[in-house]
Amino acid sequence: MNDNPQMRRIKFRAWHRGTREADYTVGGFFERYYTTWNPEDIAWFERFMEEQDADIIGWALGTIPVPEEWKGPMMDSFLKLDFVKIEN
């Protein structure tokens, strides 16, 4: 990724959302999965990052339903939340 300006930019945007919760959620998702993404997945993620933090967190927590337009394999991976580290 170090030699890929697009991925460096995406990583920065993923980790600088504006709230700590969104940073960990969106940034953590990026860190966990980006190496497996194809160009379509990357485009999905870039569109995903345009959504409001409150919506993204609501989808992650299941407090608001995921809109049809976002449903699919990428959202399925996101909703696992297997990338969020919880420390005691």
N, C-alpha and C. Protein backbone atom coordinates (compact mmCIF):
# COMPACT_ATOMS: atom_id res chain seq x y z
N MET A 1 0.82 -1.19 0.00
CA MET A 1 0.00 0.00 0.00
C MET A 1 0.87 1.26 0.00
N ASN A 2 2.07 1.19 0.53
CA ASN A 2 2.91 2.38 0.64
C ASN A 2 3.16 3.05 -0.70
N ASP A 3 3.15 2.28 -1.79
CA ASP A 3 3.42 2.86 -3.09
C ASP A 3 2.13 3.16 -3.87
N ASN A 4 0.98 3.01 -3.24
CA ASN A 4 -0.29 3.24 -3.90
C ASN A 4 -0.96 4.48 -3.30
N PRO A 5 -0.87 5.61 -4.00
CA PRO A 5 -1.44 6.85 -3.45
C PRO A 5 -2.94 6.76 -3.18
N GLN A 6 -3.67 6.05 -4.02
CA GLN A 6 -5.11 5.92 -3.81
C GLN A 6 -5.40 5.25 -2.48
N MET A 7 -4.71 4.15 -2.19
CA MET A 7 -4.96 3.42 -0.95
C MET A 7 -4.49 4.21 0.26
N ARG A 8 -3.41 4.95 0.14
CA ARG A 8 -2.96 5.81 1.25
C ARG A 8 -4.02 6.87 1.56
N ARG A 9 -4.60 7.45 0.51
CA ARG A 9 -5.65 8.47 0.69
C ARG A 9 -6.88 7.85 1.33
N ILE A 10 -7.27 6.68 0.86
CA ILE A 10 -8.45 6.00 1.42
C ILE A 10 -8.21 5.66 2.89
N LYS A 11 -7.03 5.17 3.20
CA LYS A 11 -6.71 4.83 4.59
C LYS A 11 -6.80 6.07 5.47
N PHE A 12 -6.26 7.17 5.02
CA PHE A 12 -6.32 8.40 5.80
C PHE A 12 -7.77 8.80 6.04
N ARG A 13 -8.59 8.79 5.00
CA ARG A 13 -10.01 9.17 5.15
C ARG A 13 -10.74 8.21 6.07
N ALA A 14 -10.40 6.93 6.01
CA ALA A 14 -11.07 5.93 6.84
C ALA A 14 -10.79 6.16 8.32
N TRP A 15 -9.58 6.61 8.63
CA TRP A 15 -9.18 6.79 10.04
C TRP A 15 -9.40 8.21 10.54
N HIS A 16 -9.90 9.11 9.72
CA HIS A 16 -10.13 10.50 10.12
C HIS A 16 -11.56 10.91 9.79
N ARG A 17 -12.50 10.27 10.46
CA ARG A 17 -13.92 10.47 10.20
C ARG A 17 -14.48 11.65 10.96
N GLY A 18 -13.98 11.91 12.12
CA GLY A 18 -14.50 13.01 12.93
C GLY A 18 -14.96 12.57 14.31
N THR A 19 -15.28 11.29 14.45
CA THR A 19 -15.59 10.75 15.78
C THR A 19 -14.73 9.51 15.99
N ARG A 20 -14.38 9.29 17.23
CA ARG A 20 -13.53 8.14 17.55
C ARG A 20 -14.23 6.83 17.16
N GLU A 21 -15.52 6.75 17.44
CA GLU A 21 -16.27 5.52 17.13
C GLU A 21 -16.23 5.22 15.64
N ALA A 22 -16.45 6.25 14.83
CA ALA A 22 -16.43 6.05 13.38
C ALA A 22 -15.02 5.76 12.89
N ASP A 23 -14.02 6.41 13.49
CA ASP A 23 -12.63 6.12 13.11
C ASP A 23 -12.32 4.65 13.31
N TYR A 24 -12.65 4.12 14.48
CA TYR A 24 -12.36 2.72 14.77
C TYR A 24 -13.19 1.77 13.90
N THR A 25 -14.40 2.15 13.62
CA THR A 25 -15.27 1.27 12.84
C THR A 25 -14.86 1.27 11.37
N VAL A 26 -14.80 2.43 10.76
CA VAL A 26 -14.48 2.51 9.33
C VAL A 26 -13.00 2.22 9.11
N GLY A 27 -12.14 2.80 9.93
CA GLY A 27 -10.70 2.54 9.80
C GLY A 27 -10.35 1.09 10.08
N GLY A 28 -10.98 0.52 11.09
CA GLY A 28 -10.74 -0.88 11.41
C GLY A 28 -11.18 -1.81 10.29
N PHE A 29 -12.32 -1.50 9.69
CA PHE A 29 -12.81 -2.29 8.55
C PHE A 29 -11.80 -2.22 7.40
N PHE A 30 -11.34 -1.02 7.12
CA PHE A 30 -10.33 -0.85 6.07
C PHE A 30 -9.10 -1.70 6.35
N GLU A 31 -8.55 -1.56 7.55
CA GLU A 31 -7.32 -2.29 7.90
C GLU A 31 -7.49 -3.80 7.79
N ARG A 32 -8.62 -4.29 8.21
CA ARG A 32 -8.86 -5.74 8.23
C ARG A 32 -9.02 -6.32 6.82
N TYR A 33 -9.66 -5.57 5.92
CA TYR A 33 -10.07 -6.17 4.65
C TYR A 33 -9.44 -5.60 3.39
N TYR A 34 -8.81 -4.46 3.41
CA TYR A 34 -8.42 -3.80 2.16
C TYR A 34 -7.52 -4.65 1.27
N THR A 35 -6.72 -5.50 1.85
CA THR A 35 -5.80 -6.30 1.03
C THR A 35 -6.53 -7.34 0.18
N THR A 36 -7.79 -7.59 0.49
CA THR A 36 -8.56 -8.57 -0.28
C THR A 36 -9.47 -7.91 -1.30
N TRP A 37 -9.52 -6.59 -1.33
CA TRP A 37 -10.47 -5.88 -2.19
C TRP A 37 -10.02 -5.80 -3.63
N ASN A 38 -10.99 -5.94 -4.52
CA ASN A 38 -10.78 -5.72 -5.94
C ASN A 38 -11.21 -4.28 -6.25
N PRO A 39 -11.05 -3.81 -7.48
CA PRO A 39 -11.43 -2.42 -7.79
C PRO A 39 -12.90 -2.08 -7.49
N GLU A 40 -13.80 -3.02 -7.66
CA GLU A 40 -15.21 -2.77 -7.35
C GLU A 40 -15.42 -2.59 -5.85
N ASP A 41 -14.72 -3.40 -5.05
CA ASP A 41 -14.81 -3.27 -3.59
C ASP A 41 -14.25 -1.93 -3.13
N ILE A 42 -13.16 -1.51 -3.73
CA ILE A 42 -12.57 -0.22 -3.38
C ILE A 42 -13.54 0.91 -3.71
N ALA A 43 -14.18 0.82 -4.87
CA ALA A 43 -15.17 1.84 -5.25
C ALA A 43 -16.33 1.83 -4.27
N TRP A 44 -16.77 0.65 -3.85
CA TRP A 44 -17.85 0.55 -2.86
C TRP A 44 -17.44 1.26 -1.57
N PHE A 45 -16.23 0.98 -1.11
CA PHE A 45 -15.76 1.56 0.14
C PHE A 45 -15.66 3.08 0.04
N GLU A 46 -15.20 3.58 -1.09
CA GLU A 46 -15.11 5.03 -1.24
C GLU A 46 -16.50 5.67 -1.21
N ARG A 47 -17.49 5.04 -1.81
CA ARG A 47 -18.86 5.54 -1.72
C ARG A 47 -19.38 5.44 -0.29
N PHE A 48 -19.07 4.32 0.35
CA PHE A 48 -19.48 4.07 1.74
C PHE A 48 -18.99 5.18 2.66
N MET A 49 -17.75 5.62 2.45
CA MET A 49 -17.18 6.66 3.31
C MET A 49 -17.87 8.01 3.14
N GLU A 50 -18.68 8.17 2.11
CA GLU A 50 -19.43 9.41 1.92
C GLU A 50 -20.68 9.46 2.81
N GLU A 51 -21.06 8.33 3.37
CA GLU A 51 -22.24 8.28 4.25
C GLU A 51 -21.94 8.96 5.58
N GLN A 52 -22.99 9.36 6.25
CA GLN A 52 -22.87 10.01 7.56
C GLN A 52 -22.39 8.99 8.61
N ASP A 53 -21.54 9.46 9.51
CA ASP A 53 -21.04 8.59 10.58
C ASP A 53 -22.17 7.98 11.40
N ALA A 54 -23.19 8.77 11.69
CA ALA A 54 -24.31 8.26 12.50
C ALA A 54 -25.01 7.10 11.81
N ASP A 55 -25.13 7.16 10.49
CA ASP A 55 -25.75 6.06 9.76
C ASP A 55 -24.86 4.83 9.78
N ILE A 56 -23.58 5.02 9.52
CA ILE A 56 -22.64 3.89 9.50
C ILE A 56 -22.62 3.19 10.87
N ILE A 57 -22.55 3.95 11.93
CA ILE A 57 -22.55 3.37 13.28
C ILE A 57 -23.88 2.69 13.55
N GLY A 58 -24.98 3.30 13.14
CA GLY A 58 -26.30 2.69 13.32
C GLY A 58 -26.42 1.37 12.60
N TRP A 59 -25.89 1.30 11.39
CA TRP A 59 -25.91 0.02 10.65
C TRP A 59 -25.07 -1.01 11.38
N ALA A 60 -23.87 -0.59 11.83
CA ALA A 60 -22.97 -1.51 12.51
C ALA A 60 -23.59 -2.07 13.78
N LEU A 61 -24.29 -1.22 14.52
CA LEU A 61 -24.89 -1.65 15.78
C LEU A 61 -26.25 -2.29 15.61
N GLY A 62 -26.81 -2.18 14.42
CA GLY A 62 -28.12 -2.76 14.16
C GLY A 62 -29.26 -1.92 14.69
N THR A 63 -29.00 -0.66 14.99
CA THR A 63 -30.06 0.21 15.51
C THR A 63 -30.88 0.85 14.40
N ILE A 64 -30.33 0.87 13.20
CA ILE A 64 -31.10 1.30 12.03
C ILE A 64 -30.85 0.30 10.91
N PRO A 65 -31.85 0.05 10.07
CA PRO A 65 -31.68 -0.94 9.02
C PRO A 65 -30.72 -0.46 7.93
N VAL A 66 -30.01 -1.40 7.35
CA VAL A 66 -29.11 -1.11 6.23
C VAL A 66 -29.97 -0.91 4.98
N PRO A 67 -29.81 0.22 4.29
CA PRO A 67 -30.57 0.43 3.06
C PRO A 67 -30.22 -0.62 2.00
N GLU A 68 -31.17 -0.93 1.17
CA GLU A 68 -30.99 -1.94 0.12
C GLU A 68 -29.75 -1.68 -0.72
N GLU A 69 -29.49 -0.42 -1.04
CA GLU A 69 -28.37 -0.09 -1.91
C GLU A 69 -27.02 -0.51 -1.33
N TRP A 70 -26.94 -0.72 -0.01
CA TRP A 70 -25.68 -1.07 0.62
C TRP A 70 -25.57 -2.56 0.93
N LYS A 71 -26.64 -3.29 0.79
CA LYS A 71 -26.60 -4.71 1.10
C LYS A 71 -25.75 -5.47 0.09
N GLY A 72 -25.04 -6.48 0.60
CA GLY A 72 -24.18 -7.30 -0.25
C GLY A 72 -22.97 -7.79 0.53
N PRO A 73 -22.03 -8.41 -0.17
CA PRO A 73 -20.87 -9.02 0.51
C PRO A 73 -20.02 -8.04 1.31
N MET A 74 -19.82 -6.83 0.80
CA MET A 74 -19.00 -5.86 1.53
C MET A 74 -19.70 -5.47 2.84
N MET A 75 -20.99 -5.21 2.79
CA MET A 75 -21.71 -4.85 4.01
C MET A 75 -21.76 -6.04 4.96
N ASP A 76 -21.90 -7.24 4.42
CA ASP A 76 -21.89 -8.43 5.27
C ASP A 76 -20.58 -8.50 6.06
N SER A 77 -19.47 -8.23 5.39
CA SER A 77 -18.17 -8.23 6.07
C SER A 77 -18.10 -7.12 7.11
N PHE A 78 -18.61 -5.95 6.75
CA PHE A 78 -18.60 -4.82 7.69
C PHE A 78 -19.41 -5.15 8.94
N LEU A 79 -20.58 -5.74 8.76
CA LEU A 79 -21.47 -6.00 9.89
C LEU A 79 -20.96 -7.08 10.85
N LYS A 80 -19.96 -7.84 10.44
CA LYS A 80 -19.37 -8.84 11.36
C LYS A 80 -18.69 -8.15 12.54
N LEU A 81 -18.17 -6.95 12.29
CA LEU A 81 -17.43 -6.19 13.30
C LEU A 81 -16.26 -7.00 13.89
N ASP A 82 -15.73 -7.92 13.11
CA ASP A 82 -14.60 -8.73 13.59
C ASP A 82 -13.28 -7.97 13.55
N PHE A 83 -13.33 -6.73 13.20
CA PHE A 83 -12.15 -5.90 13.10
C PHE A 83 -12.04 -4.88 14.22
N VAL A 84 -13.06 -4.80 15.06
CA VAL A 84 -13.06 -3.85 16.17
C VAL A 84 -12.39 -4.50 17.37
N LYS A 85 -11.33 -3.89 17.82
CA LYS A 85 -10.60 -4.41 18.97
C LYS A 85 -11.17 -3.82 20.24
N ILE A 86 -11.53 -4.68 21.15
CA ILE A 86 -12.05 -4.24 22.43
C ILE A 86 -11.02 -4.55 23.50
N GLU A 87 -10.59 -3.50 24.17
CA GLU A 87 -9.57 -3.68 25.21
C GLU A 87 -10.21 -3.47 26.57
N ASN A 88 -9.74 -4.22 27.52
CA ASN A 88 -10.25 -4.09 28.90
C ASN A 88 -9.49 -3.03 29.64
